[in-house]
Amino acid sequence: MTAARDVVVTGLGATTPLGGDAPTTWAAALAGESGARTLENDWAEKYGIPITFAATIKVKPEDVLPRPELKRMDPSTQYAMIAAREAWQDAGAPEVDGERLGAVVSSGIGGIWTTLDGWDLLRERGARRMLPMTVPMLMPNSPVAYVSLELGAQAGAHALVSACASGAEAIGYAVDMIRNGRADVVVAGGTEATIHPMPIAAFAASRTLSLRNDDPQAASRPYDVDRDGFVIGEGAAVLVLESAEHAAARGASVYARISGVGLSADAYHITSPDPDGRGQVAAMRRALEDAGATGADVVHVNAHATSTKVGDLTETRSIRTLLGADADHVQLSATKSMTGHLLGGAGALETLFTVKAVSERLAPPTINVDNPDPELQVPLVRSAPEKLPGGDVVAINNSFGFGGHNVALAITNA
């Protein structure tokens, strides 16, 4: 791999069900904490929703952002701004020409709170009471628009949408921006704010959510034989990516490298993965090829693993198909067991976790796996973090989305 194609991570930011920033979130993940909690509202009773819990944001935006920003931003944008500001400061607030600075921040669903509140307002009070900022607040590119305005990012501001793979695809696109010379620095990630009665009811209708109302913290249990669906979550994660040359020139600290990007589509079903895992295998293979790595180099995978009956095992079969006997040496983590599923923000947060795993040589645990599925085909990190080997290593972060979107990112040590 040439230096011109080398993309490094110099800044991390997050606001999640586990914490209000990246260090707190990572520490909670290593400790095996759950961000799922019972909702303090009457939605279940009022609307007949069978789910009474979610992985809600731990630190509320009103505790962080000034009131004028809260009023003109949808929660999905609020989360993105909190994470982006932290990541930018963590990177040392790089001095970079705006024309060499890009932003790619995605959401799978966008400003749904604004959309639904606007519809309620129209029905109840008429068009004359509609807020003039409604459209800028609800549009899916609102988070990246505000991030680009904040930082003066003029190389491009993009919001790719690929359902639950959106955050990871945003990072992959940012890598391409740096590799093809469009930018020296790109702020990239994903955000989601969908803990609202309509999305919860809709996911419940699709029978993809866990029904463990009596024990929310044990509800997300990837690979456990008793798993019954995912826990909906919210939050954002943002990374600052730079060309290795630019980072070295300013003496920046580097966490890790995003060394490979793999994309594919199943073209199989609107919600279910191809049971043969062909698209998933293709994405992971392309990421490794892009990184100039082989299966023998892979020591860790942060799995998409949502805690659904079909999806979890399809992914582990795909990993086994790709790696063969090398899969025996991989340490698999399923961090949605702690964070819940952040939908469009999931891929970005799990990329952040993978970067930290490679940087600190620690694979985070998967909690709530009391009875591992006998069909699980890759060694699973359970209960406590496990050390990763020294030397040059490769980790993979997988993100898959409704519509058959597959994104794999290969992350290597700095």
Protein backbone atom coordinates (compact mmCIF):
# COMPACT_ATOMS: atom_id res chain seq x y z
CA MET A 1 0.00 0.00 0.00
CA THR A 2 1.39 3.41 -0.95
CA ALA A 3 1.54 6.33 1.44
CA ALA A 4 -0.82 8.28 -0.82
CA ARG A 5 -3.53 5.67 -0.16
CA ASP A 6 -2.91 5.48 3.58
CA VAL A 7 -5.84 6.87 5.60
CA VAL A 8 -5.49 7.23 9.36
CA VAL A 9 -7.87 7.98 12.23
CA THR A 10 -6.85 10.96 14.36
CA GLY A 11 -10.06 11.88 16.19
CA LEU A 12 -13.00 10.09 17.81
CA GLY A 13 -16.32 11.41 19.08
CA ALA A 14 -19.56 9.82 20.25
CA THR A 15 -22.75 10.20 22.21
CA THR A 16 -24.46 6.89 22.87
CA PRO A 17 -26.59 4.86 25.25
CA LEU A 18 -23.37 4.04 27.13
CA GLY A 19 -21.97 7.54 27.53
CA GLY A 20 -21.87 11.15 26.41
CA ASP A 21 -18.46 10.91 24.78
CA ALA A 22 -16.13 8.40 23.16
CA PRO A 23 -13.92 7.55 26.18
CA THR A 24 -16.91 6.98 28.47
CA THR A 25 -18.67 4.89 25.84
CA TRP A 26 -15.57 2.74 25.26
CA ALA A 27 -14.98 2.26 28.99
CA ALA A 28 -18.58 1.15 29.47
CA ALA A 29 -18.28 -1.29 26.57
CA LEU A 30 -15.13 -2.83 28.05
CA ALA A 31 -16.98 -3.13 31.37
CA GLY A 32 -19.84 -4.98 29.69
CA GLU A 33 -22.51 -2.43 30.58
CA SER A 34 -25.91 -2.29 28.91
CA GLY A 35 -27.48 0.93 27.66
CA ALA A 36 -30.98 -0.52 27.45
CA ARG A 37 -33.56 0.87 29.86
CA THR A 38 -37.30 1.08 30.40
CA LEU A 39 -38.86 4.08 28.67
CA GLU A 40 -40.31 6.73 30.97
CA ASN A 41 -43.43 7.45 28.92
CA ASP A 42 -46.91 6.11 28.24
CA TRP A 43 -46.37 5.07 24.61
CA ALA A 44 -47.06 1.38 25.18
CA GLU A 45 -50.35 2.05 26.95
CA LYS A 46 -51.43 4.93 24.73
CA TYR A 47 -50.71 3.30 21.37
CA GLY A 48 -50.77 -0.40 22.18
CA ILE A 49 -47.03 -0.81 21.46
CA PRO A 50 -45.72 -4.15 22.81
CA ILE A 51 -42.23 -2.73 23.56
CA THR A 52 -41.56 -0.64 26.68
CA PHE A 53 -37.78 -0.22 26.51
CA ALA A 54 -34.94 1.00 24.29
CA ALA A 55 -31.26 1.94 24.41
CA THR A 56 -31.77 5.66 24.91
CA ILE A 57 -29.04 8.28 24.78
CA LYS A 58 -27.28 8.53 28.15
CA VAL A 59 -26.48 12.26 28.14
CA LYS A 60 -29.32 14.41 26.85
CA PRO A 61 -28.51 17.03 24.19
CA GLU A 62 -30.08 19.75 26.35
CA ASP A 63 -27.26 19.13 28.84
CA VAL A 64 -24.65 19.82 26.14
CA LEU A 65 -25.99 22.12 23.44
CA PRO A 66 -27.22 25.72 23.73
CA ARG A 67 -30.96 26.31 23.42
CA PRO A 68 -30.82 28.04 19.99
CA GLU A 69 -29.18 24.95 18.47
CA LEU A 70 -31.69 22.63 20.10
CA LYS A 71 -34.55 24.60 18.56
CA ARG A 72 -33.23 24.47 14.98
CA MET A 73 -31.88 20.91 14.90
CA ASP A 74 -33.62 17.55 14.84
CA PRO A 75 -32.28 15.19 17.53
CA SER A 76 -30.38 13.25 14.84
CA THR A 77 -28.47 16.43 14.00
CA GLN A 78 -27.96 17.29 17.65
CA TYR A 79 -26.29 13.93 18.25
CA ALA A 80 -24.09 14.34 15.18
CA MET A 81 -22.94 17.79 16.23
CA ILE A 82 -22.02 16.60 19.73
CA ALA A 83 -19.97 13.72 18.32
CA ALA A 84 -18.36 15.81 15.56
CA ARG A 85 -17.24 18.53 17.94
CA GLU A 86 -15.66 15.99 20.25
CA ALA A 87 -13.91 14.20 17.37
CA TRP A 88 -12.59 17.48 15.97
CA GLN A 89 -11.12 18.52 19.31
CA ASP A 90 -9.75 15.02 19.88
CA ALA A 91 -7.91 15.33 16.57
CA GLY A 92 -6.36 18.59 17.75
CA ALA A 93 -8.64 20.84 15.67
CA PRO A 94 -6.50 20.45 12.53
CA GLU A 95 -5.59 23.54 10.58
CA VAL A 96 -6.71 22.69 7.08
CA ASP A 97 -7.88 24.68 4.08
CA GLY A 98 -11.66 24.39 3.83
CA GLU A 99 -11.34 23.26 0.22
CA ARG A 100 -9.29 20.28 1.47
CA LEU A 101 -11.74 19.40 4.25
CA GLY A 102 -14.75 17.15 3.71
CA ALA A 103 -17.67 15.83 5.74
CA VAL A 104 -19.66 12.61 5.34
CA VAL A 105 -22.29 12.01 8.02
CA SER A 106 -25.15 9.61 7.34
CA SER A 107 -28.46 8.62 8.87
CA GLY A 108 -30.55 5.64 7.95
CA ILE A 109 -33.89 7.36 8.57
CA GLY A 110 -33.19 11.07 9.03
CA GLY A 111 -35.16 13.67 10.96
CA ILE A 112 -38.16 11.54 11.79
CA TRP A 113 -39.01 13.41 15.01
CA THR A 114 -39.28 16.63 12.99
CA THR A 115 -41.24 14.94 10.21
CA LEU A 116 -43.83 13.39 12.51
CA ASP A 117 -44.09 16.40 14.82
CA GLY A 118 -44.61 18.59 11.75
CA TRP A 119 -47.42 16.37 10.51
CA ASP A 120 -49.09 16.44 13.93
CA LEU A 121 -48.79 20.25 14.01
CA LEU A 122 -50.31 20.60 10.54
CA ARG A 123 -53.28 18.37 11.38
CA GLU A 124 -53.94 19.96 14.73
CA ARG A 125 -53.21 23.63 14.11
CA GLY A 126 -53.07 24.19 10.36
CA ALA A 127 -50.46 25.27 7.82
CA ARG A 128 -50.03 28.76 9.23
CA ARG A 129 -48.41 27.33 12.36
CA MET A 130 -45.83 25.27 10.48
CA LEU A 131 -42.29 26.13 11.59
CA PRO A 132 -40.13 27.70 8.85
CA MET A 133 -37.14 25.52 9.80
CA THR A 134 -39.07 22.26 9.35
CA VAL A 135 -37.50 21.25 6.02
CA PRO A 136 -33.87 21.98 7.02
CA MET A 137 -34.48 20.01 10.21
CA LEU A 138 -36.05 16.91 8.67
CA MET A 139 -33.85 16.44 5.61
CA PRO A 140 -31.49 13.43 5.90
CA ASN A 141 -28.48 15.58 4.98
CA SER A 142 -29.15 18.02 7.83
CA PRO A 143 -26.52 16.46 10.16
CA VAL A 144 -23.73 16.66 7.60
CA ALA A 145 -24.85 20.12 6.49
CA TYR A 146 -24.49 21.46 10.01
CA VAL A 147 -21.15 19.68 10.51
CA SER A 148 -19.80 21.16 7.28
CA LEU A 149 -21.04 24.63 8.26
CA GLU A 150 -19.43 24.31 11.68
CA LEU A 151 -16.03 23.31 10.30
CA GLY A 152 -16.07 25.10 6.95
CA ALA A 153 -15.78 21.81 5.06
CA GLN A 154 -15.89 22.74 1.37
CA ALA A 155 -14.40 19.65 -0.30
CA GLY A 156 -17.83 18.02 -0.13
CA ALA A 157 -20.63 17.30 2.32
CA HIS A 158 -22.31 13.95 1.75
CA ALA A 159 -25.04 11.87 3.40
CA LEU A 160 -25.13 8.33 2.05
CA VAL A 161 -28.19 6.29 2.99
CA SER A 162 -27.93 2.50 3.18
CA ALA A 163 -30.14 1.70 6.17
CA CYS A 164 -28.14 0.14 9.01
CA ALA A 165 -24.94 0.22 6.95
CA SER A 166 -25.12 4.01 6.50
CA GLY A 167 -22.56 5.01 9.13
CA ALA A 168 -19.96 2.52 7.88
CA GLU A 169 -20.54 3.45 4.26
CA ALA A 170 -20.02 7.11 5.19
CA ILE A 171 -16.59 6.22 6.55
CA GLY A 172 -15.81 4.19 3.43
CA TYR A 173 -16.77 7.14 1.24
CA ALA A 174 -14.57 9.43 3.33
CA VAL A 175 -11.65 7.07 2.75
CA ASP A 176 -12.25 7.33 -0.99
CA MET A 177 -12.34 11.15 -0.79
CA ILE A 178 -8.87 11.15 0.74
CA ARG A 179 -7.48 8.48 -1.55
CA ASN A 180 -8.63 10.17 -4.73
CA GLY A 181 -7.21 13.52 -3.69
CA ARG A 182 -10.42 15.43 -3.05
CA ALA A 183 -9.58 16.08 0.59
CA ASP A 184 -6.78 15.82 3.13
CA VAL A 185 -9.12 15.57 6.13
CA VAL A 186 -12.68 14.22 6.29
CA VAL A 187 -15.05 14.15 9.26
CA ALA A 188 -17.18 11.02 8.89
CA GLY A 189 -19.74 9.00 10.80
CA GLY A 190 -23.38 8.23 11.41
CA THR A 191 -26.28 9.32 13.58
CA GLU A 192 -29.81 8.23 14.41
CA ALA A 193 -32.66 9.41 16.64
CA THR A 194 -35.63 7.10 16.11
CA ILE A 195 -36.82 6.31 19.63
CA HIS A 196 -40.28 7.60 18.83
CA PRO A 197 -43.54 5.62 19.07
CA MET A 198 -44.02 5.26 15.31
CA PRO A 199 -40.63 3.65 14.47
CA ILE A 200 -40.84 1.44 17.54
CA ALA A 201 -44.33 0.30 16.55
CA ALA A 202 -43.20 -0.25 12.96
CA PHE A 203 -40.19 -2.35 13.94
CA ALA A 204 -42.37 -4.26 16.40
CA ALA A 205 -44.81 -4.99 13.57
CA SER A 206 -41.95 -6.46 11.55
CA ARG A 207 -41.18 -8.77 14.50
CA THR A 208 -37.54 -7.73 14.65
CA LEU A 209 -37.52 -6.22 18.17
CA SER A 210 -36.93 -8.09 21.40
CA LEU A 211 -39.97 -8.38 23.66
CA ARG A 212 -38.06 -8.71 26.95
CA ASN A 213 -39.87 -5.86 28.68
CA ASP A 214 -39.18 -7.41 32.06
CA ASP A 215 -35.40 -7.37 31.64
CA PRO A 216 -34.24 -4.70 29.14
CA GLN A 217 -30.54 -4.99 29.94
CA ALA A 218 -30.57 -8.69 29.02
CA ALA A 219 -32.69 -8.22 25.89
CA SER A 220 -29.94 -7.81 23.29
CA ARG A 221 -28.27 -11.23 23.23
CA PRO A 222 -26.50 -11.94 19.93
CA TYR A 223 -25.71 -15.62 19.35
CA ASP A 224 -27.66 -16.77 22.39
CA VAL A 225 -30.14 -19.56 21.62
CA ASP A 226 -32.86 -17.48 23.31
CA ARG A 227 -32.33 -14.30 21.30
CA ASP A 228 -35.60 -12.80 20.11
CA GLY A 229 -34.70 -9.60 18.27
CA PHE A 230 -32.76 -6.37 18.56
CA VAL A 231 -33.04 -3.44 20.94
CA ILE A 232 -33.55 -0.13 19.18
CA GLY A 233 -30.92 2.46 20.12
CA GLU A 234 -29.95 6.03 19.35
CA GLY A 235 -26.84 8.18 19.20
CA ALA A 236 -23.96 9.13 16.95
CA ALA A 237 -20.29 8.44 16.34
CA VAL A 238 -17.88 10.50 14.25
CA LEU A 239 -14.27 9.91 13.23
CA VAL A 240 -11.70 12.34 11.87
CA LEU A 241 -9.84 10.74 8.97
CA GLU A 242 -6.68 12.13 7.40
CA SER A 243 -4.15 11.19 4.82
CA ALA A 244 -1.15 9.74 6.63
CA GLU A 245 1.00 12.44 5.05
CA HIS A 246 -1.18 15.26 6.37
CA ALA A 247 -1.34 13.74 9.86
CA ALA A 248 2.43 13.25 9.99
CA ALA A 249 3.10 16.79 8.80
CA ARG A 250 1.19 18.25 11.73
CA GLY A 251 2.45 15.70 14.25
CA ALA A 252 -0.98 14.25 14.94
CA SER A 253 -1.54 11.23 17.16
CA VAL A 254 -2.94 8.30 15.20
CA TYR A 255 -5.30 5.64 16.55
CA ALA A 256 -5.29 3.26 13.60
CA ARG A 257 -5.65 3.07 9.82
CA ILE A 258 -8.74 2.46 7.74
CA SER A 259 -6.90 0.35 5.23
CA GLY A 260 -9.65 -1.40 3.30
CA VAL A 261 -13.21 -0.75 2.17
CA GLY A 262 -15.49 -3.47 0.81
CA LEU A 263 -19.01 -2.90 -0.55
CA SER A 264 -21.60 -5.22 -2.06
CA ALA A 265 -25.34 -5.74 -2.40
CA ASP A 266 -27.27 -8.96 -1.90
CA ALA A 267 -30.02 -8.21 -4.46
CA TYR A 268 -31.94 -10.90 -2.60
CA HIS A 269 -34.67 -9.53 -0.28
CA ILE A 270 -35.72 -6.15 1.10
CA THR A 271 -35.12 -7.12 4.75
CA SER A 272 -33.54 -10.59 4.95
CA PRO A 273 -29.88 -11.30 4.14
CA ASP A 274 -28.97 -13.78 1.45
CA PRO A 275 -28.84 -17.02 3.50
CA ASP A 276 -25.72 -18.09 1.59
CA GLY A 277 -23.97 -14.89 2.71
CA ARG A 278 -22.51 -14.27 -0.72
CA GLY A 279 -22.78 -10.50 -0.47
CA GLN A 280 -21.31 -10.42 3.02
CA VAL A 281 -18.39 -12.60 1.96
CA ALA A 282 -17.82 -10.39 -1.07
CA ALA A 283 -17.72 -7.21 1.03
CA MET A 284 -15.26 -8.67 3.53
CA ARG A 285 -13.08 -10.13 0.78
CA ARG A 286 -12.93 -6.80 -1.03
CA ALA A 287 -12.00 -5.00 2.19
CA LEU A 288 -9.13 -7.40 2.81
CA GLU A 289 -7.94 -7.18 -0.79
CA ASP A 290 -8.11 -3.40 -0.60
CA ALA A 291 -5.99 -3.52 2.56
CA GLY A 292 -3.45 -5.86 0.97
CA ALA A 293 -4.23 -8.40 3.68
CA THR A 294 -5.22 -12.05 3.90
CA GLY A 295 -7.45 -14.02 6.20
CA ALA A 296 -4.44 -15.06 8.24
CA ASP A 297 -3.95 -11.39 9.23
CA VAL A 298 -7.44 -11.02 10.74
CA VAL A 299 -7.52 -11.20 14.54
CA HIS A 300 -10.78 -9.46 15.38
CA VAL A 301 -14.23 -8.86 13.89
CA ASN A 302 -16.82 -6.47 15.26
CA ALA A 303 -19.93 -8.19 13.97
CA HIS A 304 -23.12 -6.55 12.75
CA ALA A 305 -24.90 -9.12 14.97
CA THR A 306 -28.22 -7.50 15.82
CA SER A 307 -29.59 -10.41 17.91
CA THR A 308 -32.00 -11.77 15.31
CA LYS A 309 -32.48 -15.48 14.73
CA VAL A 310 -31.39 -15.53 11.10
CA GLY A 311 -28.99 -12.62 10.73
CA ASP A 312 -26.47 -13.53 13.44
CA LEU A 313 -25.69 -17.00 12.14
CA THR A 314 -25.64 -15.93 8.48
CA GLU A 315 -22.83 -13.55 9.36
CA THR A 316 -20.74 -16.10 11.25
CA ARG A 317 -21.14 -18.56 8.37
CA SER A 318 -19.92 -15.80 6.05
CA ILE A 319 -16.88 -15.17 8.23
CA ARG A 320 -16.11 -18.90 8.28
CA THR A 321 -16.55 -19.13 4.51
CA LEU A 322 -14.16 -16.25 3.98
CA LEU A 323 -11.49 -17.19 6.51
CA GLY A 324 -11.71 -20.97 6.66
CA ALA A 325 -9.44 -22.38 9.34
CA ASP A 326 -8.14 -18.85 10.06
CA ALA A 327 -11.53 -18.09 11.64
CA ASP A 328 -10.45 -20.23 14.62
CA HIS A 329 -8.02 -17.46 15.61
CA VAL A 330 -10.48 -14.56 15.28
CA GLN A 331 -11.96 -12.89 18.35
CA LEU A 332 -15.55 -11.96 17.56
CA SER A 333 -17.35 -9.15 19.39
CA ALA A 334 -21.01 -8.16 19.12
CA THR A 335 -21.22 -4.76 20.78
CA LYS A 336 -24.91 -4.23 20.00
CA SER A 337 -25.44 -6.49 23.02
CA MET A 338 -24.54 -3.38 25.03
CA THR A 339 -25.43 -0.38 22.87
CA GLY A 340 -28.55 -1.68 21.21
CA HIS A 341 -28.91 -1.09 17.48
CA LEU A 342 -28.24 2.51 16.46
CA LEU A 343 -29.48 1.83 12.92
CA GLY A 344 -27.74 4.42 10.70
CA GLY A 345 -25.35 5.26 13.53
CA ALA A 346 -24.40 1.65 14.26
CA GLY A 347 -21.70 1.21 11.63
CA ALA A 348 -19.92 4.38 12.71
CA LEU A 349 -20.01 3.50 16.41
CA GLU A 350 -18.81 -0.03 15.73
CA THR A 351 -16.01 1.32 13.53
CA LEU A 352 -15.00 3.49 16.48
CA PHE A 353 -15.04 0.41 18.71
CA THR A 354 -12.91 -1.49 16.18
CA VAL A 355 -10.42 1.36 15.97
CA LYS A 356 -10.13 1.37 19.76
CA ALA A 357 -9.81 -2.42 19.85
CA VAL A 358 -6.88 -2.32 17.43
CA SER A 359 -5.31 0.69 19.14
CA GLU A 360 -5.53 -0.74 22.66
CA ARG A 361 -5.27 -4.43 21.63
CA LEU A 362 -8.51 -5.26 23.44
CA ALA A 363 -11.59 -6.93 21.98
CA PRO A 364 -14.72 -5.81 23.83
CA PRO A 365 -17.07 -8.43 25.28
CA THR A 366 -20.43 -9.67 24.08
CA ILE A 367 -22.85 -9.72 26.99
CA ASN A 368 -26.02 -11.74 27.63
CA VAL A 369 -24.80 -14.89 25.88
CA ASP A 370 -25.84 -17.42 28.50
CA ASN A 371 -26.41 -20.27 26.04
CA PRO A 372 -24.29 -19.86 22.89
CA ASP A 373 -25.97 -21.07 19.73
CA PRO A 374 -24.34 -24.38 18.75
CA GLU A 375 -24.23 -23.14 15.15
CA LEU A 376 -21.96 -20.21 16.05
CA GLN A 377 -18.90 -20.72 13.87
CA VAL A 378 -16.39 -18.16 15.19
CA PRO A 379 -14.85 -17.83 18.69
CA LEU A 380 -16.89 -15.26 20.64
CA VAL A 381 -15.53 -12.81 23.21
CA ARG A 382 -17.83 -13.17 26.22
CA SER A 383 -18.12 -11.65 29.69
CA ALA A 384 -14.80 -9.75 29.67
CA PRO A 385 -12.45 -8.10 27.13
CA GLU A 386 -9.80 -10.28 25.54
CA LYS A 387 -6.32 -9.22 24.49
CA LEU A 388 -5.44 -8.99 20.82
CA PRO A 389 -1.97 -10.04 19.66
CA GLY A 390 0.86 -7.60 19.11
CA GLY A 391 2.52 -6.79 15.81
CA ASP A 392 0.70 -5.92 12.62
CA VAL A 393 -2.94 -6.99 12.82
CA VAL A 394 -6.15 -6.56 10.87
CA ALA A 395 -9.66 -6.16 12.27
CA ILE A 396 -12.91 -6.07 10.31
CA ASN A 397 -16.04 -4.12 11.09
CA ASN A 398 -19.18 -5.46 9.40
CA SER A 399 -22.32 -3.44 8.75
CA PHE A 400 -25.36 -4.74 6.89
CA GLY A 401 -28.61 -2.94 6.10
CA PHE A 402 -32.17 -3.54 4.96
CA GLY A 403 -32.15 -3.60 1.18
CA GLY A 404 -29.16 -5.93 1.07
CA HIS A 405 -26.44 -3.34 1.70
CA ASN A 406 -23.12 -4.81 2.88
CA VAL A 407 -20.16 -2.75 4.10
CA ALA A 408 -16.93 -4.14 5.53
CA LEU A 409 -14.06 -1.97 6.75
CA ALA A 410 -10.56 -3.34 7.35
CA ILE A 411 -8.78 -1.56 10.18
CA THR A 412 -5.09 -2.00 10.89
CA ASN A 413 -2.74 -0.77 13.56
CA ALA A 414 -1.00 2.59 13.15
